[in-house]
Amino acid sequence: MMRSSEFYLETIYTKLYPQRIMAMMQITIFLFGLIAFLFWLSQLWLVVKMHDSDFPDRNDKLMWFLLVFFGFILGALLFMVWRIEHAKVKVRETEKKLEDDFHEIIDKKA
């Protein structure tokens, strides 16, 4: 047979436990939403901050801005992937140009 104090503690625990789970879920969802919003805002800021010459075509900056603005997280993720790939291509082009310049200088000396 349960003592009244044990019954009281068990009753409080069973009543509060679902509320704790709901509170933790709400906090987790809020934090994920906040992180997603900050990521979206940072990518939107990068689109605005980038110079027009960083984009391959004339209207690409506007296209990426609209995609990130209206696409929220998906648009921001796509822009991030494009920006990384675009940076890799620029690095390869720069390395190729430096290599060509180096060989040109060496050939002139020889």
PDB file of N, CA and C in Angstrom:
ATOM      1  N   MET A   1       0.824  -1.176   0.000  1.00  0.00           N
ATOM      2  CA  MET A   1       0.000   0.000   0.000  1.00  0.00           C
ATOM      3  C   MET A   1       0.875   1.249   0.000  1.00  0.00           C
ATOM      4  N   MET A   2       0.492   2.244  -0.799  1.00  0.00           N
ATOM      5  CA  MET A   2       1.273   3.468  -0.917  1.00  0.00           C
ATOM      6  C   MET A   2       0.983   4.411   0.226  1.00  0.00           C
ATOM      7  N   ARG A   3       2.055   5.050   0.651  1.00  0.00           N
ATOM      8  CA  ARG A   3       1.852   6.104   1.640  1.00  0.00           C
ATOM      9  C   ARG A   3       1.377   7.345   0.906  1.00  0.00           C
ATOM     10  N   SER A   4       0.786   8.244   1.589  1.00  0.00           N
ATOM     11  CA  SER A   4       0.219   9.432   0.953  1.00  0.00           C
ATOM     12  C   SER A   4       1.309  10.313   0.326  1.00  0.00           C
ATOM     13  N   SER A   5       2.491  10.395   0.952  1.00  0.00           N
ATOM     14  CA  SER A   5       3.566  11.214   0.377  1.00  0.00           C
ATOM     15  C   SER A   5       4.054  10.602  -0.932  1.00  0.00           C
ATOM     16  N   GLU A   6       4.174   9.290  -1.015  1.00  0.00           N
ATOM     17  CA  GLU A   6       4.582   8.643  -2.257  1.00  0.00           C
ATOM     18  C   GLU A   6       3.546   8.866  -3.348  1.00  0.00           C
ATOM     19  N   PHE A   7       2.298   8.754  -2.998  1.00  0.00           N
ATOM     20  CA  PHE A   7       1.221   8.980  -3.958  1.00  0.00           C
ATOM     21  C   PHE A   7       1.254  10.418  -4.454  1.00  0.00           C
ATOM     22  N   TYR A   8       1.490  11.360  -3.546  1.00  0.00           N
ATOM     23  CA  TYR A   8       1.542  12.769  -3.911  1.00  0.00           C
ATOM     24  C   TYR A   8       2.698  13.037  -4.876  1.00  0.00           C
ATOM     25  N   LEU A   9       3.888  12.497  -4.584  1.00  0.00           N
ATOM     26  CA  LEU A   9       5.043  12.698  -5.454  1.00  0.00           C
ATOM     27  C   LEU A   9       4.829  12.056  -6.821  1.00  0.00           C
ATOM     28  N   GLU A  10       4.245  10.859  -6.826  1.00  0.00           N
ATOM     29  CA  GLU A  10       3.987  10.191  -8.095  1.00  0.00           C
ATOM     30  C   GLU A  10       2.982  10.969  -8.932  1.00  0.00           C
ATOM     31  N   THR A  11       1.986  11.519  -8.288  1.00  0.00           N
ATOM     32  CA  THR A  11       0.976  12.301  -8.991  1.00  0.00           C
ATOM     33  C   THR A  11       1.590  13.568  -9.585  1.00  0.00           C
ATOM     34  N   ILE A  12       2.417  14.249  -8.817  1.00  0.00           N
ATOM     35  CA  ILE A  12       3.065  15.459  -9.323  1.00  0.00           C
ATOM     36  C   ILE A  12       3.990  15.108 -10.491  1.00  0.00           C
ATOM     37  N   TYR A  13       4.744  14.026 -10.363  1.00  0.00           N
ATOM     38  CA  TYR A  13       5.682  13.630 -11.407  1.00  0.00           C
ATOM     39  C   TYR A  13       4.947  13.302 -12.707  1.00  0.00           C
ATOM     40  N   THR A  14       3.864  12.551 -12.626  1.00  0.00           N
ATOM     41  CA  THR A  14       3.131  12.176 -13.838  1.00  0.00           C
ATOM     42  C   THR A  14       2.417  13.369 -14.444  1.00  0.00           C
ATOM     43  N   LYS A  15       2.060  14.353 -13.653  1.00  0.00           N
ATOM     44  CA  LYS A  15       1.411  15.543 -14.212  1.00  0.00           C
ATOM     45  C   LYS A  15       2.436  16.487 -14.832  1.00  0.00           C
ATOM     46  N   LEU A  16       3.614  16.594 -14.249  1.00  0.00           N
ATOM     47  CA  LEU A  16       4.614  17.537 -14.736  1.00  0.00           C
ATOM     48  C   LEU A  16       5.463  16.975 -15.871  1.00  0.00           C
ATOM     49  N   TYR A  17       5.613  15.678 -15.942  1.00  0.00           N
ATOM     50  CA  TYR A  17       6.493  15.086 -16.945  1.00  0.00           C
ATOM     51  C   TYR A  17       6.080  15.437 -18.370  1.00  0.00           C
ATOM     52  N   PRO A  18       4.820  15.302 -18.760  1.00  0.00           N
ATOM     53  CA  PRO A  18       4.435  15.705 -20.129  1.00  0.00           C
ATOM     54  C   PRO A  18       4.655  17.196 -20.372  1.00  0.00           C
ATOM     55  N   GLN A  19       4.479  18.010 -19.347  1.00  0.00           N
ATOM     56  CA  GLN A  19       4.702  19.444 -19.505  1.00  0.00           C
ATOM     57  C   GLN A  19       6.184  19.738 -19.726  1.00  0.00           C
ATOM     58  N   ARG A  20       7.046  18.993 -19.061  1.00  0.00           N
ATOM     59  CA  ARG A  20       8.480  19.160 -19.264  1.00  0.00           C
ATOM     60  C   ARG A  20       8.866  18.788 -20.698  1.00  0.00           C
ATOM     61  N   ILE A  21       8.317  17.691 -21.173  1.00  0.00           N
ATOM     62  CA  ILE A  21       8.618  17.262 -22.536  1.00  0.00           C
ATOM     63  C   ILE A  21       8.157  18.322 -23.528  1.00  0.00           C
ATOM     64  N   MET A  22       6.966  18.839 -23.347  1.00  0.00           N
ATOM     65  CA  MET A  22       6.450  19.874 -24.243  1.00  0.00           C
ATOM     66  C   MET A  22       7.314  21.127 -24.179  1.00  0.00           C
ATOM     67  N   ALA A  23       7.742  21.507 -22.992  1.00  0.00           N
ATOM     68  CA  ALA A  23       8.587  22.695 -22.846  1.00  0.00           C
ATOM     69  C   ALA A  23       9.925  22.483 -23.543  1.00  0.00           C
ATOM     70  N   MET A  24      10.511  21.314 -23.376  1.00  0.00           N
ATOM     71  CA  MET A  24      11.788  21.032 -24.039  1.00  0.00           C
ATOM     72  C   MET A  24      11.619  21.008 -25.554  1.00  0.00           C
ATOM     73  N   MET A  25      10.514  20.453 -26.024  1.00  0.00           N
ATOM     74  CA  MET A  25      10.257  20.434 -27.467  1.00  0.00           C
ATOM     75  C   MET A  25      10.084  21.856 -28.001  1.00  0.00           C
ATOM     76  N   GLN A  26       9.371  22.685 -27.275  1.00  0.00           N
ATOM     77  CA  GLN A  26       9.167  24.063 -27.708  1.00  0.00           C
ATOM     78  C   GLN A  26      10.483  24.833 -27.738  1.00  0.00           C
ATOM     79  N   ILE A  27      11.313  24.636 -26.738  1.00  0.00           N
ATOM     80  CA  ILE A  27      12.611  25.305 -26.700  1.00  0.00           C
ATOM     81  C   ILE A  27      13.478  24.828 -27.863  1.00  0.00           C
ATOM     82  N   THR A  28      13.477  23.514 -28.120  1.00  0.00           N
ATOM     83  CA  THR A  28      14.271  22.959 -29.220  1.00  0.00           C
ATOM     84  C   THR A  28      13.802  23.506 -30.560  1.00  0.00           C
ATOM     85  N   ILE A  29      12.513  23.538 -30.774  1.00  0.00           N
ATOM     86  CA  ILE A  29      11.967  24.062 -32.028  1.00  0.00           C
ATOM     87  C   ILE A  29      12.301  25.541 -32.174  1.00  0.00           C
ATOM     88  N   PHE A  30      12.197  26.287 -31.091  1.00  0.00           N
ATOM     89  CA  PHE A  30      12.537  27.703 -31.122  1.00  0.00           C
ATOM     90  C   PHE A  30      14.009  27.898 -31.479  1.00  0.00           C
ATOM     91  N   LEU A  31      14.895  27.112 -30.870  1.00  0.00           N
ATOM     92  CA  LEU A  31      16.327  27.251 -31.152  1.00  0.00           C
ATOM     93  C   LEU A  31      16.651  26.883 -32.598  1.00  0.00           C
ATOM     94  N   PHE A  32      16.059  25.799 -33.107  1.00  0.00           N
ATOM     95  CA  PHE A  32      16.266  25.441 -34.511  1.00  0.00           C
ATOM     96  C   PHE A  32      15.752  26.540 -35.435  1.00  0.00           C
ATOM     97  N   GLY A  33      14.610  27.090 -35.108  1.00  0.00           N
ATOM     98  CA  GLY A  33      14.062  28.190 -35.904  1.00  0.00           C
ATOM     99  C   GLY A  33      14.944  29.420 -35.871  1.00  0.00           C
ATOM    100  N   LEU A  34      15.485  29.732 -34.703  1.00  0.00           N
ATOM    101  CA  LEU A  34      16.375  30.877 -34.568  1.00  0.00           C
ATOM    102  C   LEU A  34      17.656  30.672 -35.367  1.00  0.00           C
ATOM    103  N   ILE A  35      18.228  29.482 -35.277  1.00  0.00           N
ATOM    104  CA  ILE A  35      19.440  29.169 -36.046  1.00  0.00           C
ATOM    105  C   ILE A  35      19.153  29.235 -37.545  1.00  0.00           C
ATOM    106  N   ALA A  36      18.017  28.696 -37.967  1.00  0.00           N
ATOM    107  CA  ALA A  36      17.648  28.738 -39.386  1.00  0.00           C
ATOM    108  C   ALA A  36      17.462  30.180 -39.853  1.00  0.00           C
ATOM    109  N   PHE A  37      16.823  31.001 -39.032  1.00  0.00           N
ATOM    110  CA  PHE A  37      16.614  32.403 -39.386  1.00  0.00           C
ATOM    111  C   PHE A  37      17.946  33.136 -39.502  1.00  0.00           C
ATOM    112  N   LEU A  38      18.844  32.915 -38.561  1.00  0.00           N
ATOM    113  CA  LEU A  38      20.149  33.576 -38.599  1.00  0.00           C
ATOM    114  C   LEU A  38      20.969  33.120 -39.812  1.00  0.00           C
ATOM    115  N   PHE A  39      20.891  31.833 -40.152  1.00  0.00           N
ATOM    116  CA  PHE A  39      21.567  31.326 -41.349  1.00  0.00           C
ATOM    117  C   PHE A  39      20.995  31.993 -42.597  1.00  0.00           C
ATOM    118  N   TRP A  40      19.671  32.055 -42.682  1.00  0.00           N
ATOM    119  CA  TRP A  40      19.011  32.687 -43.822  1.00  0.00           C
ATOM    120  C   TRP A  40      19.421  34.153 -43.936  1.00  0.00           C
ATOM    121  N   LEU A  41      19.425  34.847 -42.805  1.00  0.00           N
ATOM    122  CA  LEU A  41      19.784  36.258 -42.800  1.00  0.00           C
ATOM    123  C   LEU A  41      21.242  36.459 -43.223  1.00  0.00           C
ATOM    124  N   SER A  42      22.139  35.583 -42.787  1.00  0.00           N
ATOM    125  CA  SER A  42      23.547  35.713 -43.162  1.00  0.00           C
ATOM    126  C   SER A  42      23.735  35.475 -44.660  1.00  0.00           C
ATOM    127  N   GLN A  43      23.040  34.503 -45.222  1.00  0.00           N
ATOM    128  CA  GLN A  43      23.154  34.244 -46.663  1.00  0.00           C
ATOM    129  C   GLN A  43      22.543  35.386 -47.477  1.00  0.00           C
ATOM    130  N   LEU A  44      21.447  35.936 -46.995  1.00  0.00           N
ATOM    131  CA  LEU A  44      20.829  37.077 -47.672  1.00  0.00           C
ATOM    132  C   LEU A  44      21.781  38.270 -47.638  1.00  0.00           C
ATOM    133  N   TRP A  45      22.436  38.479 -46.517  1.00  0.00           N
ATOM    134  CA  TRP A  45      23.403  39.570 -46.397  1.00  0.00           C
ATOM    135  C   TRP A  45      24.586  39.344 -47.346  1.00  0.00           C
ATOM    136  N   LEU A  46      25.029  38.104 -47.482  1.00  0.00           N
ATOM    137  CA  LEU A  46      26.131  37.814 -48.399  1.00  0.00           C
ATOM    138  C   LEU A  46      25.749  38.115 -49.849  1.00  0.00           C
ATOM    139  N   VAL A  47      24.517  37.807 -50.221  1.00  0.00           N
ATOM    140  CA  VAL A  47      24.072  38.104 -51.591  1.00  0.00           C
ATOM    141  C   VAL A  47      24.117  39.610 -51.820  1.00  0.00           C
ATOM    142  N   VAL A  48      23.617  40.360 -50.867  1.00  0.00           N
ATOM    143  CA  VAL A  48      23.579  41.816 -51.013  1.00  0.00           C
ATOM    144  C   VAL A  48      24.994  42.394 -51.012  1.00  0.00           C
ATOM    145  N   LYS A  49      25.855  41.844 -50.170  1.00  0.00           N
ATOM    146  CA  LYS A  49      27.213  42.375 -50.002  1.00  0.00           C
ATOM    147  C   LYS A  49      28.137  42.041 -51.170  1.00  0.00           C
ATOM    148  N   MET A  50      27.901  40.924 -51.846  1.00  0.00           N
ATOM    149  CA  MET A  50      28.779  40.521 -52.949  1.00  0.00           C
ATOM    150  C   MET A  50      28.700  41.531 -54.094  1.00  0.00           C
ATOM    151  N   HIS A  51      29.835  41.729 -54.736  1.00  0.00           N
ATOM    152  CA  HIS A  51      29.907  42.663 -55.859  1.00  0.00           C
ATOM    153  C   HIS A  51      29.276  42.018 -57.097  1.00  0.00           C
ATOM    154  N   ASP A  52      28.781  42.861 -57.986  1.00  0.00           N
ATOM    155  CA  ASP A  52      28.145  42.355 -59.209  1.00  0.00           C
ATOM    156  C   ASP A  52      29.093  41.511 -60.049  1.00  0.00           C
ATOM    157  N   SER A  53      30.374  41.835 -60.015  1.00  0.00           N
ATOM    158  CA  SER A  53      31.334  41.080 -60.826  1.00  0.00           C
ATOM    159  C   SER A  53      31.583  39.679 -60.275  1.00  0.00           C
ATOM    160  N   ASP A  54      31.144  39.410 -59.046  1.00  0.00           N
ATOM    161  CA  ASP A  54      31.295  38.067 -58.483  1.00  0.00           C
ATOM    162  C   ASP A  54      30.303  37.077 -59.071  1.00  0.00           C
ATOM    163  N   PHE A  55      29.304  37.591 -59.752  1.00  0.00           N
ATOM    164  CA  PHE A  55      28.291  36.737 -60.371  1.00  0.00           C
ATOM    165  C   PHE A  55      28.585  36.600 -61.855  1.00  0.00           C
ATOM    166  N   PRO A  56      28.338  35.409 -62.427  1.00  0.00           N
ATOM    167  CA  PRO A  56      28.691  35.179 -63.830  1.00  0.00           C
ATOM    168  C   PRO A  56      27.889  36.013 -64.834  1.00  0.00           C
ATOM    169  N   ASP A  57      26.635  36.280 -64.540  1.00  0.00           N
ATOM    170  CA  ASP A  57      25.790  36.964 -65.510  1.00  0.00           C
ATOM    171  C   ASP A  57      25.265  38.268 -64.919  1.00  0.00           C
ATOM    172  N   ARG A  58      24.647  39.065 -65.755  1.00  0.00           N
ATOM    173  CA  ARG A  58      24.208  40.393 -65.348  1.00  0.00           C
ATOM    174  C   ARG A  58      23.101  40.351 -64.283  1.00  0.00           C
ATOM    175  N   ASN A  59      22.137  39.480 -64.444  1.00  0.00           N
ATOM    176  CA  ASN A  59      20.989  39.445 -63.534  1.00  0.00           C
ATOM    177  C   ASN A  59      21.088  38.370 -62.458  1.00  0.00           C
ATOM    178  N   ASP A  60      22.228  37.740 -62.324  1.00  0.00           N
ATOM    179  CA  ASP A  60      22.364  36.648 -61.352  1.00  0.00           C
ATOM    180  C   ASP A  60      22.235  37.110 -59.913  1.00  0.00           C
ATOM    181  N   LYS A  61      22.707  38.312 -59.628  1.00  0.00           N
ATOM    182  CA  LYS A  61      22.604  38.814 -58.253  1.00  0.00           C
ATOM    183  C   LYS A  61      21.129  38.973 -57.860  1.00  0.00           C
ATOM    184  N   LEU A  62      20.346  39.529 -58.739  1.00  0.00           N
ATOM    185  CA  LEU A  62      18.913  39.679 -58.479  1.00  0.00           C
ATOM    186  C   LEU A  62      18.241  38.322 -58.348  1.00  0.00           C
ATOM    187  N   MET A  63      18.606  37.392 -59.237  1.00  0.00           N
ATOM    188  CA  MET A  63      18.022  36.052 -59.178  1.00  0.00           C
ATOM    189  C   MET A  63      18.333  35.380 -57.848  1.00  0.00           C
ATOM    190  N   TRP A  64      19.614  35.442 -57.409  1.00  0.00           N
ATOM    191  CA  TRP A  64      19.986  34.811 -56.149  1.00  0.00           C
ATOM    192  C   TRP A  64      19.327  35.501 -54.964  1.00  0.00           C
ATOM    193  N   PHE A  65      19.211  36.827 -55.017  1.00  0.00           N
ATOM    194  CA  PHE A  65      18.534  37.543 -53.929  1.00  0.00           C
ATOM    195  C   PHE A  65      17.092  37.078 -53.796  1.00  0.00           C
ATOM    196  N   LEU A  66      16.388  37.025 -54.925  1.00  0.00           N
ATOM    197  CA  LEU A  66      14.982  36.593 -54.877  1.00  0.00           C
ATOM    198  C   LEU A  66      14.857  35.139 -54.433  1.00  0.00           C
ATOM    199  N   LEU A  67      15.765  34.288 -54.891  1.00  0.00           N
ATOM    200  CA  LEU A  67      15.720  32.880 -54.496  1.00  0.00           C
ATOM    201  C   LEU A  67      15.955  32.717 -52.998  1.00  0.00           C
ATOM    202  N   VAL A  68      16.947  33.422 -52.471  1.00  0.00           N
ATOM    203  CA  VAL A  68      17.228  33.318 -51.030  1.00  0.00           C
ATOM    204  C   VAL A  68      16.102  33.959 -50.222  1.00  0.00           C
ATOM    205  N   PHE A  69      15.603  35.112 -50.685  1.00  0.00           N
ATOM    206  CA  PHE A  69      14.561  35.820 -49.939  1.00  0.00           C
ATOM    207  C   PHE A  69      13.267  35.016 -49.865  1.00  0.00           C
ATOM    208  N   PHE A  70      12.820  34.493 -51.006  1.00  0.00           N
ATOM    209  CA  PHE A  70      11.553  33.768 -51.019  1.00  0.00           C
ATOM    210  C   PHE A  70      11.717  32.272 -50.746  1.00  0.00           C
ATOM    211  N   GLY A  71      12.914  31.743 -50.931  1.00  0.00           N
ATOM    212  CA  GLY A  71      13.143  30.317 -50.724  1.00  0.00           C
ATOM    213  C   GLY A  71      13.517  29.962 -49.298  1.00  0.00           C
ATOM    214  N   PHE A  72      13.722  30.975 -48.469  1.00  0.00           N
ATOM    215  CA  PHE A  72      14.114  30.834 -47.067  1.00  0.00           C
ATOM    216  C   PHE A  72      15.277  29.847 -46.930  1.00  0.00           C
ATOM    217  N   ILE A  73      15.120  28.753 -46.220  1.00  0.00           N
ATOM    218  CA  ILE A  73      16.250  27.868 -45.924  1.00  0.00           C
ATOM    219  C   ILE A  73      16.737  27.154 -47.181  1.00  0.00           C
ATOM    220  N   LEU A  74      15.833  26.670 -48.004  1.00  0.00           N
ATOM    221  CA  LEU A  74      16.243  25.973 -49.226  1.00  0.00           C
ATOM    222  C   LEU A  74      17.028  26.902 -50.147  1.00  0.00           C
ATOM    223  N   GLY A  75      16.540  28.113 -50.325  1.00  0.00           N
ATOM    224  CA  GLY A  75      17.248  29.084 -51.147  1.00  0.00           C
ATOM    225  C   GLY A  75      18.610  29.442 -50.565  1.00  0.00           C
ATOM    226  N   ALA A  76      18.676  29.581 -49.240  1.00  0.00           N
ATOM    227  CA  ALA A  76      19.952  29.898 -48.588  1.00  0.00           C
ATOM    228  C   ALA A  76      20.939  28.751 -48.739  1.00  0.00           C
ATOM    229  N   LEU A  77      20.463  27.518 -48.608  1.00  0.00           N
ATOM    230  CA  LEU A  77      21.346  26.359 -48.784  1.00  0.00           C
ATOM    231  C   LEU A  77      21.858  26.269 -50.220  1.00  0.00           C
ATOM    232  N   LEU A  78      20.971  26.498 -51.175  1.00  0.00           N
ATOM    233  CA  LEU A  78      21.385  26.471 -52.580  1.00  0.00           C
ATOM    234  C   LEU A  78      22.421  27.553 -52.865  1.00  0.00           C
ATOM    235  N   PHE A  79      22.209  28.749 -52.321  1.00  0.00           N
ATOM    236  CA  PHE A  79      23.171  29.830 -52.526  1.00  0.00           C
ATOM    237  C   PHE A  79      24.514  29.488 -51.888  1.00  0.00           C
ATOM    238  N   MET A  80      24.490  28.890 -50.707  1.00  0.00           N
ATOM    239  CA  MET A  80      25.730  28.518 -50.036  1.00  0.00           C
ATOM    240  C   MET A  80      26.513  27.505 -50.879  1.00  0.00           C
ATOM    241  N   VAL A  81      25.819  26.506 -51.407  1.00  0.00           N
ATOM    242  CA  VAL A  81      26.481  25.500 -52.249  1.00  0.00           C
ATOM    243  C   VAL A  81      27.031  26.153 -53.511  1.00  0.00           C
ATOM    244  N   TRP A  82      26.244  27.024 -54.145  1.00  0.00           N
ATOM    245  CA  TRP A  82      26.708  27.705 -55.357  1.00  0.00           C
ATOM    246  C   TRP A  82      27.934  28.561 -55.059  1.00  0.00           C
ATOM    247  N   ARG A  83      27.908  29.287 -53.948  1.00  0.00           N
ATOM    248  CA  ARG A  83      29.015  30.165 -53.578  1.00  0.00           C
ATOM    249  C   ARG A  83      30.306  29.373 -53.352  1.00  0.00           C
ATOM    250  N   ILE A  84      30.186  28.213 -52.703  1.00  0.00           N
ATOM    251  CA  ILE A  84      31.361  27.368 -52.466  1.00  0.00           C
ATOM    252  C   ILE A  84      31.908  26.849 -53.792  1.00  0.00           C
ATOM    253  N   GLU A  85      31.021  26.353 -54.662  1.00  0.00           N
ATOM    254  CA  GLU A  85      31.460  25.848 -55.963  1.00  0.00           C
ATOM    255  C   GLU A  85      32.048  26.972 -56.821  1.00  0.00           C
ATOM    256  N   HIS A  86      31.439  28.139 -56.770  1.00  0.00           N
ATOM    257  CA  HIS A  86      31.926  29.281 -57.537  1.00  0.00           C
ATOM    258  C   HIS A  86      33.311  29.695 -57.035  1.00  0.00           C
ATOM    259  N   ALA A  87      33.527  29.641 -55.747  1.00  0.00           N
ATOM    260  CA  ALA A  87      34.840  29.975 -55.177  1.00  0.00           C
ATOM    261  C   ALA A  87      35.887  28.958 -55.628  1.00  0.00           C
ATOM    262  N   LYS A  88      35.517  27.674 -55.671  1.00  0.00           N
ATOM    263  CA  LYS A  88      36.452  26.650 -56.138  1.00  0.00           C
ATOM    264  C   LYS A  88      36.854  26.897 -57.589  1.00  0.00           C
ATOM    265  N   VAL A  89      35.898  27.262 -58.419  1.00  0.00           N
ATOM    266  CA  VAL A  89      36.186  27.532 -59.832  1.00  0.00           C
ATOM    267  C   VAL A  89      37.122  28.740 -59.945  1.00  0.00           C
ATOM    268  N   LYS A  90      36.853  29.774 -59.156  1.00  0.00           N
ATOM    269  CA  LYS A  90      37.716  30.960 -59.189  1.00  0.00           C
ATOM    270  C   LYS A  90      39.135  30.620 -58.750  1.00  0.00           C
ATOM    271  N   VAL A  91      39.260  29.779 -57.739  1.00  0.00           N
ATOM    272  CA  VAL A  91      40.595  29.376 -57.269  1.00  0.00           C
ATOM    273  C   VAL A  91      41.317  28.609 -58.365  1.00  0.00           C
ATOM    274  N   ARG A  92      40.622  27.687 -59.027  1.00  0.00           N
ATOM    275  CA  ARG A  92      41.238  26.930 -60.113  1.00  0.00           C
ATOM    276  C   ARG A  92      41.683  27.846 -61.251  1.00  0.00           C
ATOM    277  N   GLU A  93      40.834  28.821 -61.594  1.00  0.00           N
ATOM    278  CA  GLU A  93      41.188  29.759 -62.655  1.00  0.00           C
ATOM    279  C   GLU A  93      42.407  30.588 -62.256  1.00  0.00           C
ATOM    280  N   THR A  94      42.463  31.027 -61.015  1.00  0.00           N
ATOM    281  CA  THR A  94      43.598  31.810 -60.533  1.00  0.00           C
ATOM    282  C   THR A  94      44.868  30.980 -60.531  1.00  0.00           C
ATOM    283  N   GLU A  95      44.765  29.730 -60.067  1.00  0.00           N
ATOM    284  CA  GLU A  95      45.939  28.850 -60.079  1.00  0.00           C
ATOM    285  C   GLU A  95      46.440  28.620 -61.502  1.00  0.00           C
ATOM    286  N   LYS A  96      45.532  28.418 -62.417  1.00  0.00           N
ATOM    287  CA  LYS A  96      45.901  28.205 -63.824  1.00  0.00           C
ATOM    288  C   LYS A  96      46.593  29.438 -64.381  1.00  0.00           C
ATOM    289  N   LYS A  97      46.056  30.630 -64.075  1.00  0.00           N
ATOM    290  CA  LYS A  97      46.655  31.874 -64.555  1.00  0.00           C
ATOM    291  C   LYS A  97      48.045  32.058 -63.955  1.00  0.00           C
ATOM    292  N   LEU A  98      48.190  31.801 -62.666  1.00  0.00           N
ATOM    293  CA  LEU A  98      49.503  31.917 -62.024  1.00  0.00           C
ATOM    294  C   LEU A  98      50.504  30.935 -62.612  1.00  0.00           C
ATOM    295  N   GLU A  99      50.048  29.728 -62.879  1.00  0.00           N
ATOM    296  CA  GLU A  99      50.924  28.724 -63.481  1.00  0.00           C
ATOM    297  C   GLU A  99      51.361  29.152 -64.876  1.00  0.00           C
ATOM    298  N   ASP A 100      50.420  29.668 -65.668  1.00  0.00           N
ATOM    299  CA  ASP A 100      50.760  30.146 -67.011  1.00  0.00           C
ATOM    300  C   ASP A 100      51.745  31.312 -66.943  1.00  0.00           C
ATOM    301  N   ASP A 101      51.511  32.245 -66.019  1.00  0.00           N
ATOM    302  CA  ASP A 101      52.420  33.381 -65.852  1.00  0.00           C
ATOM    303  C   ASP A 101      53.808  32.903 -65.426  1.00  0.00           C
ATOM    304  N   PHE A 102      53.852  31.938 -64.536  1.00  0.00           N
ATOM    305  CA  PHE A 102      55.125  31.397 -64.073  1.00  0.00           C
ATOM    306  C   PHE A 102      55.896  30.774 -65.239  1.00  0.00           C
ATOM    307  N   HIS A 103      55.213  29.958 -66.039  1.00  0.00           N
ATOM    308  CA  HIS A 103      55.864  29.322 -67.186  1.00  0.00           C
ATOM    309  C   HIS A 103      56.304  30.358 -68.217  1.00  0.00           C
ATOM    310  N   GLU A 104      55.530  31.424 -68.368  1.00  0.00           N
ATOM    311  CA  GLU A 104      55.895  32.482 -69.297  1.00  0.00           C
ATOM    312  C   GLU A 104      57.171  33.190 -68.835  1.00  0.00           C
ATOM    313  N   ILE A 105      57.275  33.441 -67.536  1.00  0.00           N
ATOM    314  CA  ILE A 105      58.473  34.082 -66.999  1.00  0.00           C
ATOM    315  C   ILE A 105      59.685  33.175 -67.138  1.00  0.00           C
ATOM    316  N   ILE A 106      59.505  31.901 -66.838  1.00  0.00           N
ATOM    317  CA  ILE A 106      60.601  30.938 -66.966  1.00  0.00           C
ATOM    318  C   ILE A 106      61.064  30.827 -68.420  1.00  0.00           C
ATOM    319  N   ASP A 107      60.112  30.794 -69.362  1.00  0.00           N
ATOM    320  CA  ASP A 107      60.458  30.683 -70.782  1.00  0.00           C
ATOM    321  C   ASP A 107      61.212  31.924 -71.272  1.00  0.00           C
ATOM    322  N   LYS A 108      60.874  33.099 -70.742  1.00  0.00           N
ATOM    323  CA  LYS A 108      61.554  34.333 -71.131  1.00  0.00           C
ATOM    324  C   LYS A 108      63.007  34.318 -70.662  1.00  0.00           C
ATOM    325  N   LYS A 109      63.243  33.767 -69.463  1.00  0.00           N
ATOM    326  CA  LYS A 109      64.597  33.723 -68.910  1.00  0.00           C
ATOM    327  C   LYS A 109      65.452  32.686 -69.623  1.00  0.00           C
ATOM    328  N   ALA A 110      64.828  31.661 -70.164  1.00  0.00           N
ATOM    329  CA  ALA A 110      65.586  30.567 -70.790  1.00  0.00           C
ATOM    330  C   ALA A 110      65.991  30.868 -72.196  1.00  0.00           C
TER     331      ALA A 110
END
